[in-house]
C-alpha cells in the first residue's frame, strides 16, 4: 500500500514539474515579442520604463556612450606564450616573496 502512495506522489510531482517546464519554455519563447516587462527591482510607476540608461562602464569621461570595442585580444603564438610563462616562473623561483 505504501508503494502505491509513493508511485502516485511521484506521478503527481512529475506532472507538475513537466507542466512547469513547458510553461517556462513557452513564456521564454514569447518574451522577446512582448517587449520589456515592468517587474523587478526599481521598476515602479515613477520610473520611465521606455528610457534605457546605459551602464556606467559603457560611458567615457564626458558621459557619452562608447562606440568602440571594449575588449581587444592580441593573438600570440604558442611559443611566445610558453616563453612568457617560463619567464614568470623563473622570475619567482628564487624563493623570495614580494609580500614586504
PDB file of N, CA and C in Angstrom:
ATOM      1  N   UNK A   1       0.813  -1.190   0.000  1.00  0.00           N
ATOM      2  CA  UNK A   1       0.000   0.000   0.000  1.00  0.00           C
ATOM      3  C   UNK A   1       0.863   1.263   0.000  1.00  0.00           C
ATOM      4  N   UNK A   2       1.935   1.230   0.768  1.00  0.00           N
ATOM      5  CA  UNK A   2       2.825   2.383   0.829  1.00  0.00           C
ATOM      6  C   UNK A   2       3.531   2.612  -0.513  1.00  0.00           C
ATOM      7  N   UNK A   3       3.812   1.521  -1.240  1.00  0.00           N
ATOM      8  CA  UNK A   3       4.459   1.654  -2.551  1.00  0.00           C
ATOM      9  C   UNK A   3       3.544   2.384  -3.540  1.00  0.00           C
ATOM     10  N   UNK A   4       2.263   2.097  -3.482  1.00  0.00           N
ATOM     11  CA  UNK A   4       1.306   2.750  -4.371  1.00  0.00           C
ATOM     12  C   UNK A   4       1.229   4.238  -4.061  1.00  0.00           C
ATOM     13  N   UNK A   5       1.288   4.592  -2.792  1.00  0.00           N
ATOM     14  CA  UNK A   5       1.271   6.003  -2.411  1.00  0.00           C
ATOM     15  C   UNK A   5       2.503   6.734  -2.940  1.00  0.00           C
ATOM     16  N   UNK A   6       3.673   6.090  -2.857  1.00  0.00           N
ATOM     17  CA  UNK A   6       4.894   6.683  -3.413  1.00  0.00           C
ATOM     18  C   UNK A   6       4.798   6.864  -4.921  1.00  0.00           C
ATOM     19  N   UNK A   7       4.243   5.893  -5.590  1.00  0.00           N
ATOM     20  CA  UNK A   7       4.116   5.977  -7.054  1.00  0.00           C
ATOM     21  C   UNK A   7       3.166   7.102  -7.432  1.00  0.00           C
ATOM     22  N   UNK A   8       2.067   7.221  -6.727  1.00  0.00           N
ATOM     23  CA  UNK A   8       1.105   8.293  -7.026  1.00  0.00           C
ATOM     24  C   UNK A   8       1.726   9.660  -6.737  1.00  0.00           C
ATOM     25  N   UNK A   9       2.435   9.791  -5.619  1.00  0.00           N
ATOM     26  CA  UNK A   9       3.085  11.070  -5.295  1.00  0.00           C
ATOM     27  C   UNK A   9       4.144  11.424  -6.329  1.00  0.00           C
ATOM     28  N   UNK A  10       4.918  10.441  -6.762  1.00  0.00           N
ATOM     29  CA  UNK A  10       5.936  10.697  -7.786  1.00  0.00           C
ATOM     30  C   UNK A  10       5.287  11.103  -9.102  1.00  0.00           C
ATOM     31  N   UNK A  11       4.181  10.473  -9.456  1.00  0.00           N
ATOM     32  CA  UNK A  11       3.492  10.808 -10.706  1.00  0.00           C
ATOM     33  C   UNK A  11       2.959  12.238 -10.653  1.00  0.00           C
ATOM     34  N   UNK A  12       2.392  12.625  -9.514  1.00  0.00           N
ATOM     35  CA  UNK A  12       1.863  13.989  -9.386  1.00  0.00           C
ATOM     36  C   UNK A  12       3.000  15.009  -9.468  1.00  0.00           C
ATOM     37  N   UNK A  13       4.091  14.751  -8.772  1.00  0.00           N
ATOM     38  CA  UNK A  13       5.226  15.682  -8.815  1.00  0.00           C
ATOM     39  C   UNK A  13       5.834  15.761 -10.208  1.00  0.00           C
ATOM     40  N   UNK A  14       5.913  14.646 -10.903  1.00  0.00           N
ATOM     41  CA  UNK A  14       6.491  14.686 -12.249  1.00  0.00           C
ATOM     42  C   UNK A  14       5.586  15.439 -13.209  1.00  0.00           C
ATOM     43  N   UNK A  15       4.269  15.290 -13.076  1.00  0.00           N
ATOM     44  CA  UNK A  15       3.352  16.043 -13.937  1.00  0.00           C
ATOM     45  C   UNK A  15       3.476  17.537 -13.655  1.00  0.00           C
ATOM     46  N   UNK A  16       3.575  17.927 -12.386  1.00  0.00           N
ATOM     47  CA  UNK A  16       3.754  19.340 -12.053  1.00  0.00           C
ATOM     48  C   UNK A  16       5.073  19.886 -12.602  1.00  0.00           C
ATOM     49  N   UNK A  17       6.143  19.107 -12.489  1.00  0.00           N
ATOM     50  CA  UNK A  17       7.445  19.572 -12.983  1.00  0.00           C
ATOM     51  C   UNK A  17       7.432  19.721 -14.499  1.00  0.00           C
ATOM     52  N   UNK A  18       6.848  18.770 -15.200  1.00  0.00           N
ATOM     53  CA  UNK A  18       6.821  18.847 -16.667  1.00  0.00           C
ATOM     54  C   UNK A  18       5.926  19.988 -17.124  1.00  0.00           C
ATOM     55  N   UNK A  19       4.800  20.207 -16.458  1.00  0.00           N
ATOM     56  CA  UNK A  19       3.934  21.329 -16.851  1.00  0.00           C
ATOM     57  C   UNK A  19       4.633  22.669 -16.590  1.00  0.00           C
ATOM     58  N   UNK A  20       5.378  22.764 -15.496  1.00  0.00           N
ATOM     59  CA  UNK A  20       6.138  23.975 -15.213  1.00  0.00           C
ATOM     60  C   UNK A  20       7.222  24.190 -16.265  1.00  0.00           C
ATOM     61  N   UNK A  21       7.883  23.122 -16.684  1.00  0.00           N
ATOM     62  CA  UNK A  21       8.907  23.221 -17.723  1.00  0.00           C
ATOM     63  C   UNK A  21       8.312  23.710 -19.031  1.00  0.00           C
ATOM     64  N   UNK A  22       7.185  23.156 -19.419  1.00  0.00           N
ATOM     65  CA  UNK A  22       6.551  23.564 -20.674  1.00  0.00           C
ATOM     66  C   UNK A  22       6.087  25.017 -20.582  1.00  0.00           C
ATOM     67  N   UNK A  23       5.515  25.412 -19.445  1.00  0.00           N
ATOM     68  CA  UNK A  23       5.063  26.796 -19.286  1.00  0.00           C
ATOM     69  C   UNK A  23       6.242  27.773 -19.373  1.00  0.00           C
ATOM     70  N   UNK A  24       7.386  27.419 -18.773  1.00  0.00           N
ATOM     71  CA  UNK A  24       8.564  28.294 -18.841  1.00  0.00           C
ATOM     72  C   UNK A  24       9.117  28.372 -20.257  1.00  0.00           C
ATOM     73  N   UNK A  25       9.130  27.271 -20.968  1.00  0.00           N
ATOM     74  CA  UNK A  25       9.622  27.296 -22.357  1.00  0.00           C
ATOM     75  C   UNK A  25       8.741  28.196 -23.213  1.00  0.00           C
ATOM     76  N   UNK A  26       7.433  28.091 -23.054  1.00  0.00           N
ATOM     77  CA  UNK A  26       6.520  28.933 -23.830  1.00  0.00           C
ATOM     78  C   UNK A  26       6.691  30.401 -23.437  1.00  0.00           C
ATOM     79  N   UNK A  27       6.842  30.664 -22.140  1.00  0.00           N
ATOM     80  CA  UNK A  27       6.996  32.048 -21.681  1.00  0.00           C
ATOM     81  C   UNK A  27       8.294  32.659 -22.203  1.00  0.00           C
ATOM     82  N   UNK A  28       9.403  31.906 -22.161  1.00  0.00           N
ATOM     83  CA  UNK A  28      10.664  32.432 -22.674  1.00  0.00           C
ATOM     84  C   UNK A  28      10.641  32.588 -24.184  1.00  0.00           C
ATOM     85  N   UNK A  29       9.861  31.777 -24.872  1.00  0.00           N
ATOM     86  CA  UNK A  29       9.752  31.897 -26.320  1.00  0.00           C
ATOM     87  C   UNK A  29       8.982  33.122 -26.749  1.00  0.00           C
ATOM     88  N   UNK A  30       8.003  33.547 -25.943  1.00  0.00           N
ATOM     89  CA  UNK A  30       7.194  34.709 -26.314  1.00  0.00           C
ATOM     90  C   UNK A  30       7.688  35.994 -25.668  1.00  0.00           C
ATOM     91  N   UNK A  31       8.645  35.928 -24.762  1.00  0.00           N
ATOM     92  CA  UNK A  31       9.114  37.114 -24.054  1.00  0.00           C
ATOM     93  C   UNK A  31       9.732  38.172 -24.966  1.00  0.00           C
ATOM     94  N   UNK A  32      10.594  37.824 -25.935  1.00  0.00           N
ATOM     95  CA  UNK A  32      11.170  38.881 -26.790  1.00  0.00           C
ATOM     96  C   UNK A  32      10.125  39.613 -27.615  1.00  0.00           C
ATOM     97  N   UNK A  33       9.014  38.974 -27.946  1.00  0.00           N
ATOM     98  CA  UNK A  33       7.992  39.622 -28.750  1.00  0.00           C
ATOM     99  C   UNK A  33       7.139  40.572 -27.929  1.00  0.00           C
ATOM    100  N   UNK A  34       7.040  40.339 -26.630  1.00  0.00           N
ATOM    101  CA  UNK A  34       6.212  41.185 -25.775  1.00  0.00           C
ATOM    102  C   UNK A  34       6.866  42.503 -25.444  1.00  0.00           C
ATOM    103  N   UNK A  35       8.167  42.559 -25.446  1.00  0.00           N
ATOM    104  CA  UNK A  35       8.867  43.780 -25.087  1.00  0.00           C
ATOM    105  C   UNK A  35       9.249  43.753 -23.627  1.00  0.00           C
ATOM    106  N   UNK A  36       9.773  44.871 -23.115  1.00  0.00           N
ATOM    107  CA  UNK A  36      10.210  44.897 -21.719  1.00  0.00           C
ATOM    108  C   UNK A  36       9.024  44.827 -20.771  1.00  0.00           C
ATOM    109  N   UNK A  37       9.224  44.073 -19.697  1.00  0.00           N
ATOM    110  CA  UNK A  37       8.181  43.958 -18.674  1.00  0.00           C
ATOM    111  C   UNK A  37       8.488  44.905 -17.533  1.00  0.00           C
ATOM    112  N   UNK A  38       7.477  45.291 -16.835  1.00  0.00           N
ATOM    113  CA  UNK A  38       7.623  46.252 -15.737  1.00  0.00           C
ATOM    114  C   UNK A  38       7.637  45.509 -14.410  1.00  0.00           C
ATOM    115  N   UNK A  39       8.603  44.584 -14.246  1.00  0.00           N
ATOM    116  CA  UNK A  39       8.721  43.854 -12.995  1.00  0.00           C
ATOM    117  C   UNK A  39      10.165  43.854 -12.562  1.00  0.00           C
ATOM    118  N   UNK A  40      10.372  43.613 -11.287  1.00  0.00           N
ATOM    119  CA  UNK A  40      11.730  43.582 -10.765  1.00  0.00           C
ATOM    120  C   UNK A  40      11.980  44.783  -9.875  1.00  0.00           C
ATOM    121  N   UNK A  41      13.192  44.902  -9.411  1.00  0.00           N
ATOM    122  CA  UNK A  41      13.538  45.982  -8.506  1.00  0.00           C
ATOM    123  C   UNK A  41      13.706  47.283  -9.262  1.00  0.00           C
ATOM    124  N   UNK A  42      13.196  48.354  -8.710  1.00  0.00           N
ATOM    125  CA  UNK A  42      13.396  49.680  -9.277  1.00  0.00           C
ATOM    126  C   UNK A  42      12.539  49.999 -10.473  1.00  0.00           C
ATOM    127  N   UNK A  43      11.587  49.160 -10.816  1.00  0.00           N
ATOM    128  CA  UNK A  43      10.718  49.436 -11.960  1.00  0.00           C
ATOM    129  C   UNK A  43       9.331  49.831 -11.483  1.00  0.00           C
ATOM    130  N   UNK A  44       9.260  50.761 -10.580  1.00  0.00           N
ATOM    131  CA  UNK A  44       7.977  51.218 -10.066  1.00  0.00           C
ATOM    132  C   UNK A  44       7.295  52.131 -11.060  1.00  0.00           C
ATOM    133  N   UNK A  45       6.114  52.621 -10.715  1.00  0.00           N
ATOM    134  CA  UNK A  45       5.393  53.501 -11.641  1.00  0.00           C
ATOM    135  C   UNK A  45       6.058  54.852 -11.818  1.00  0.00           C
ATOM    136  N   UNK A  46       6.929  55.253 -10.886  1.00  0.00           N
ATOM    137  CA  UNK A  46       7.578  56.554 -11.017  1.00  0.00           C
ATOM    138  C   UNK A  46       8.695  56.537 -12.054  1.00  0.00           C
ATOM    139  N   UNK A  47       9.268  55.368 -12.351  1.00  0.00           N
ATOM    140  CA  UNK A  47      10.372  55.288 -13.310  1.00  0.00           C
ATOM    141  C   UNK A  47       9.846  55.305 -14.731  1.00  0.00           C
ATOM    142  N   UNK A  48      10.598  55.903 -15.621  1.00  0.00           N
ATOM    143  CA  UNK A  48      10.255  55.903 -17.034  1.00  0.00           C
ATOM    144  C   UNK A  48      10.836  54.639 -17.653  1.00  0.00           C
ATOM    145  N   UNK A  49       9.993  53.637 -17.915  1.00  0.00           N
ATOM    146  CA  UNK A  49      10.489  52.348 -18.395  1.00  0.00           C
ATOM    147  C   UNK A  49      10.839  52.379 -19.880  1.00  0.00           C
ATOM    148  N   UNK A  50      10.438  53.420 -20.622  1.00  0.00           N
ATOM    149  CA  UNK A  50      10.756  53.488 -22.048  1.00  0.00           C
ATOM    150  C   UNK A  50      12.174  53.988 -22.289  1.00  0.00           C
ATOM    151  N   UNK A  51      12.750  54.686 -21.328  1.00  0.00           N
ATOM    152  CA  UNK A  51      14.086  55.246 -21.488  1.00  0.00           C
ATOM    153  C   UNK A  51      15.104  54.287 -20.910  1.00  0.00           C
ATOM    154  N   UNK A  52      16.075  53.867 -21.710  1.00  0.00           N
ATOM    155  CA  UNK A  52      17.098  52.954 -21.210  1.00  0.00           C
ATOM    156  C   UNK A  52      18.332  53.753 -20.800  1.00  0.00           C
ATOM    157  N   UNK A  53      18.877  53.409 -19.646  1.00  0.00           N
ATOM    158  CA  UNK A  53      20.052  54.086 -19.120  1.00  0.00           C
ATOM    159  C   UNK A  53      21.235  53.151 -19.314  1.00  0.00           C
ATOM    160  N   UNK A  54      22.302  53.596 -19.991  1.00  0.00           N
ATOM    161  CA  UNK A  54      23.451  52.714 -20.204  1.00  0.00           C
ATOM    162  C   UNK A  54      24.222  52.493 -18.912  1.00  0.00           C
ATOM    163  N   UNK A  55      24.924  51.384 -18.882  1.00  0.00           N
ATOM    164  CA  UNK A  55      25.765  51.059 -17.733  1.00  0.00           C
ATOM    165  C   UNK A  55      26.914  52.058 -17.664  1.00  0.00           C
ATOM    166  N   UNK A  56      27.367  52.446 -16.466  1.00  0.00           N
ATOM    167  CA  UNK A  56      28.440  53.440 -16.358  1.00  0.00           C
ATOM    168  C   UNK A  56      29.739  53.039 -17.056  1.00  0.00           C
ATOM    169  N   UNK A  57      30.011  51.747 -17.170  1.00  0.00           N
ATOM    170  CA  UNK A  57      31.231  51.325 -17.862  1.00  0.00           C
ATOM    171  C   UNK A  57      31.142  51.521 -19.364  1.00  0.00           C
ATOM    172  N   UNK A  58      29.943  51.758 -19.885  1.00  0.00           N
ATOM    173  CA  UNK A  58      29.767  51.994 -21.310  1.00  0.00           C
ATOM    174  C   UNK A  58      29.888  53.471 -21.673  1.00  0.00           C
ATOM    175  N   UNK A  59      30.203  54.321 -20.704  1.00  0.00           N
ATOM    176  CA  UNK A  59      30.327  55.759 -20.938  1.00  0.00           C
ATOM    177  C   UNK A  59      31.783  56.188 -20.831  1.00  0.00           C
ATOM    178  N   UNK A  60      32.151  57.215 -21.583  1.00  0.00           N
ATOM    179  CA  UNK A  60      33.504  57.753 -21.470  1.00  0.00           C
ATOM    180  C   UNK A  60      33.542  58.796 -20.360  1.00  0.00           C
ATOM    181  N   UNK A  61      34.656  59.542 -20.272  1.00  0.00           N
ATOM    182  CA  UNK A  61      34.830  60.516 -19.197  1.00  0.00           C
ATOM    183  C   UNK A  61      33.810  61.653 -19.265  1.00  0.00           C
ATOM    184  N   UNK A  62      33.333  61.972 -20.477  1.00  0.00           N
ATOM    185  CA  UNK A  62      32.388  63.070 -20.649  1.00  0.00           C
ATOM    186  C   UNK A  62      30.933  62.623 -20.542  1.00  0.00           C
ATOM    187  N   UNK A  63      30.687  61.331 -20.337  1.00  0.00           N
ATOM    188  CA  UNK A  63      29.331  60.828 -20.207  1.00  0.00           C
ATOM    189  C   UNK A  63      28.690  60.398 -21.504  1.00  0.00           C
ATOM    190  N   UNK A  64      29.456  60.358 -22.587  1.00  0.00           N
ATOM    191  CA  UNK A  64      28.917  59.915 -23.871  1.00  0.00           C
ATOM    192  C   UNK A  64      29.078  58.409 -23.998  1.00  0.00           C
ATOM    193  N   UNK A  65      28.163  57.761 -24.735  1.00  0.00           N
ATOM    194  CA  UNK A  65      28.200  56.314 -24.914  1.00  0.00           C
ATOM    195  C   UNK A  65      29.376  55.948 -25.820  1.00  0.00           C
ATOM    196  N   UNK A  66      30.149  54.924 -25.406  1.00  0.00           N
ATOM    197  CA  UNK A  66      31.288  54.465 -26.192  1.00  0.00           C
ATOM    198  C   UNK A  66      30.808  53.746 -27.440  1.00  0.00           C
ATOM    199  N   UNK A  67      31.491  53.990 -28.533  1.00  0.00           N
ATOM    200  CA  UNK A  67      31.157  53.322 -29.787  1.00  0.00           C
ATOM    201  C   UNK A  67      32.392  52.598 -30.311  1.00  0.00           C
ATOM    202  N   UNK A  68      33.065  51.877 -29.435  1.00  0.00           N
ATOM    203  CA  UNK A  68      34.267  51.150 -29.813  1.00  0.00           C
ATOM    204  C   UNK A  68      34.294  49.832 -29.059  1.00  0.00           C
ATOM    205  N   UNK A  69      35.028  48.863 -29.559  1.00  0.00           N
ATOM    206  CA  UNK A  69      35.095  47.585 -28.841  1.00  0.00           C
ATOM    207  C   UNK A  69      35.780  47.761 -27.490  1.00  0.00           C
ATOM    208  N   UNK A  70      35.236  47.093 -26.480  1.00  0.00           N
ATOM    209  CA  UNK A  70      35.768  47.247 -25.137  1.00  0.00           C
ATOM    210  C   UNK A  70      36.853  46.236 -24.818  1.00  0.00           C
ATOM    211  N   UNK A  71      36.933  45.170 -25.576  1.00  0.00           N
ATOM    212  CA  UNK A  71      37.922  44.135 -25.313  1.00  0.00           C
ATOM    213  C   UNK A  71      38.657  43.830 -26.607  1.00  0.00           C
ATOM    214  N   UNK A  72      39.956  44.013 -26.588  1.00  0.00           N
ATOM    215  CA  UNK A  72      40.781  43.700 -27.745  1.00  0.00           C
ATOM    216  C   UNK A  72      41.791  42.672 -27.288  1.00  0.00           C
ATOM    217  N   UNK A  73      41.787  41.534 -27.942  1.00  0.00           N
ATOM    218  CA  UNK A  73      42.702  40.456 -27.568  1.00  0.00           C
ATOM    219  C   UNK A  73      43.805  40.349 -28.615  1.00  0.00           C
ATOM    220  N   UNK A  74      45.023  40.226 -28.145  1.00  0.00           N
ATOM    221  CA  UNK A  74      46.157  40.087 -29.033  1.00  0.00           C
ATOM    222  C   UNK A  74      46.470  38.599 -29.156  1.00  0.00           C
ATOM    223  N   UNK A  75      46.582  38.140 -30.358  1.00  0.00           N
ATOM    224  CA  UNK A  75      46.881  36.736 -30.597  1.00  0.00           C
ATOM    225  C   UNK A  75      48.387  36.545 -30.617  1.00  0.00           C
ATOM    226  N   UNK A  76      48.880  35.608 -29.799  1.00  0.00           N
ATOM    227  CA  UNK A  76      50.309  35.292 -29.787  1.00  0.00           C
ATOM    228  C   UNK A  76      50.468  33.812 -30.056  1.00  0.00           C
ATOM    229  N   UNK A  77      51.653  33.461 -30.468  1.00  0.00           N
ATOM    230  CA  UNK A  77      51.891  32.060 -30.784  1.00  0.00           C
ATOM    231  C   UNK A  77      52.083  31.251 -29.505  1.00  0.00           C
ATOM    232  N   UNK A  78      52.038  29.966 -29.640  1.00  0.00           N
ATOM    233  CA  UNK A  78      52.213  29.070 -28.500  1.00  0.00           C
ATOM    234  C   UNK A  78      53.621  29.180 -27.934  1.00  0.00           C
ATOM    235  N   UNK A  79      54.587  29.361 -28.803  1.00  0.00           N
ATOM    236  CA  UNK A  79      55.977  29.507 -28.350  1.00  0.00           C
ATOM    237  C   UNK A  79      56.138  30.764 -27.484  1.00  0.00           C
ATOM    238  N   UNK A  80      55.567  31.887 -27.935  1.00  0.00           N
ATOM    239  CA  UNK A  80      55.668  33.126 -27.168  1.00  0.00           C
ATOM    240  C   UNK A  80      54.983  32.993 -25.814  1.00  0.00           C
ATOM    241  N   UNK A  81      53.831  32.325 -25.793  1.00  0.00           N
ATOM    242  CA  UNK A  81      53.120  32.136 -24.528  1.00  0.00           C
ATOM    243  C   UNK A  81      53.940  31.287 -23.566  1.00  0.00           C
ATOM    244  N   UNK A  82      54.576  30.237 -24.083  1.00  0.00           N
ATOM    245  CA  UNK A  82      55.420  29.392 -23.226  1.00  0.00           C
ATOM    246  C   UNK A  82      56.621  30.155 -22.697  1.00  0.00           C
ATOM    247  N   UNK A  83      57.215  30.995 -23.546  1.00  0.00           N
ATOM    248  CA  UNK A  83      58.359  31.782 -23.108  1.00  0.00           C
ATOM    249  C   UNK A  83      57.964  32.770 -22.008  1.00  0.00           C
ATOM    250  N   UNK A  84      56.806  33.392 -22.159  1.00  0.00           N
ATOM    251  CA  UNK A  84      56.343  34.323 -21.137  1.00  0.00           C
ATOM    252  C   UNK A  84      56.042  33.609 -19.824  1.00  0.00           C
ATOM    253  N   UNK A  85      55.431  32.428 -19.901  1.00  0.00           N
ATOM    254  CA  UNK A  85      55.151  31.668 -18.686  1.00  0.00           C
ATOM    255  C   UNK A  85      56.438  31.193 -18.024  1.00  0.00           C
ATOM    256  N   UNK A  86      57.408  30.764 -18.834  1.00  0.00           N
ATOM    257  CA  UNK A  86      58.686  30.346 -18.268  1.00  0.00           C
ATOM    258  C   UNK A  86      59.392  31.511 -17.591  1.00  0.00           C
ATOM    259  N   UNK A  87      59.322  32.693 -18.203  1.00  0.00           N
ATOM    260  CA  UNK A  87      59.955  33.868 -17.605  1.00  0.00           C
ATOM    261  C   UNK A  87      59.288  34.226 -16.278  1.00  0.00           C
ATOM    262  N   UNK A  88      57.971  34.115 -16.221  1.00  0.00           N
ATOM    263  CA  UNK A  88      57.279  34.376 -14.959  1.00  0.00           C
ATOM    264  C   UNK A  88      57.652  33.351 -13.903  1.00  0.00           C
ATOM    265  N   UNK A  89      57.717  32.100 -14.315  1.00  0.00           N
ATOM    266  CA  UNK A  89      58.037  31.029 -13.367  1.00  0.00           C
ATOM    267  C   UNK A  89      59.463  31.160 -12.851  1.00  0.00           C
ATOM    268  N   UNK A  90      60.390  31.428 -13.762  1.00  0.00           N
ATOM    269  CA  UNK A  90      61.797  31.538 -13.371  1.00  0.00           C
ATOM    270  C   UNK A  90      62.042  32.808 -12.557  1.00  0.00           C
ATOM    271  N   UNK A  91      61.273  33.834 -12.769  1.00  0.00           N
ATOM    272  CA  UNK A  91      61.431  35.064 -12.002  1.00  0.00           C
ATOM    273  C   UNK A  91      60.993  34.898 -10.560  1.00  0.00           C
ATOM    274  N   UNK A  92      60.057  34.017 -10.290  1.00  0.00           N
ATOM    275  CA  UNK A  92      59.563  33.801  -8.935  1.00  0.00           C
ATOM    276  C   UNK A  92      60.168  32.575  -8.273  1.00  0.00           C
ATOM    277  N   UNK A  93      61.095  31.909  -8.926  1.00  0.00           N
ATOM    278  CA  UNK A  93      61.644  30.666  -8.371  1.00  0.00           C
ATOM    279  C   UNK A  93      62.830  30.883  -7.433  1.00  0.00           C
ATOM    280  N   UNK A  94      63.221  32.129  -7.168  1.00  0.00           N
ATOM    281  CA  UNK A  94      64.371  32.368  -6.308  1.00  0.00           C
ATOM    282  C   UNK A  94      64.051  32.232  -4.836  1.00  0.00           C
ATOM    283  N   UNK A  95      62.778  32.009  -4.474  1.00  0.00           N
ATOM    284  CA  UNK A  95      62.400  31.756  -3.098  1.00  0.00           C
ATOM    285  C   UNK A  95      62.050  32.988  -2.308  1.00  0.00           C
ATOM    286  N   UNK A  96      62.282  34.164  -2.828  1.00  0.00           N
ATOM    287  CA  UNK A  96      61.924  35.381  -2.107  1.00  0.00           C
ATOM    288  C   UNK A  96      60.468  35.714  -2.359  1.00  0.00           C
ATOM    289  N   UNK A  97      59.818  36.259  -1.339  1.00  0.00           N
ATOM    290  CA  UNK A  97      58.428  36.638  -1.505  1.00  0.00           C
ATOM    291  C   UNK A  97      58.322  38.161  -1.655  1.00  0.00           C
ATOM    292  N   UNK A  98      57.337  38.590  -2.393  1.00  0.00           N
ATOM    293  CA  UNK A  98      57.144  40.016  -2.644  1.00  0.00           C
ATOM    294  C   UNK A  98      56.071  40.587  -1.722  1.00  0.00           C
ATOM    295  N   UNK A  99      55.871  40.018  -0.530  1.00  0.00           N
ATOM    296  CA  UNK A  99      54.830  40.471   0.375  1.00  0.00           C
ATOM    297  C   UNK A  99      55.287  41.612   1.261  1.00  0.00           C
ATOM    298  N   UNK A 100      56.521  42.050   1.207  1.00  0.00           N
ATOM    299  CA  UNK A 100      57.048  43.114   2.068  1.00  0.00           C
ATOM    300  C   UNK A 100      56.456  44.445   1.715  1.00  0.00           C
TER     301      UNK A 100
END
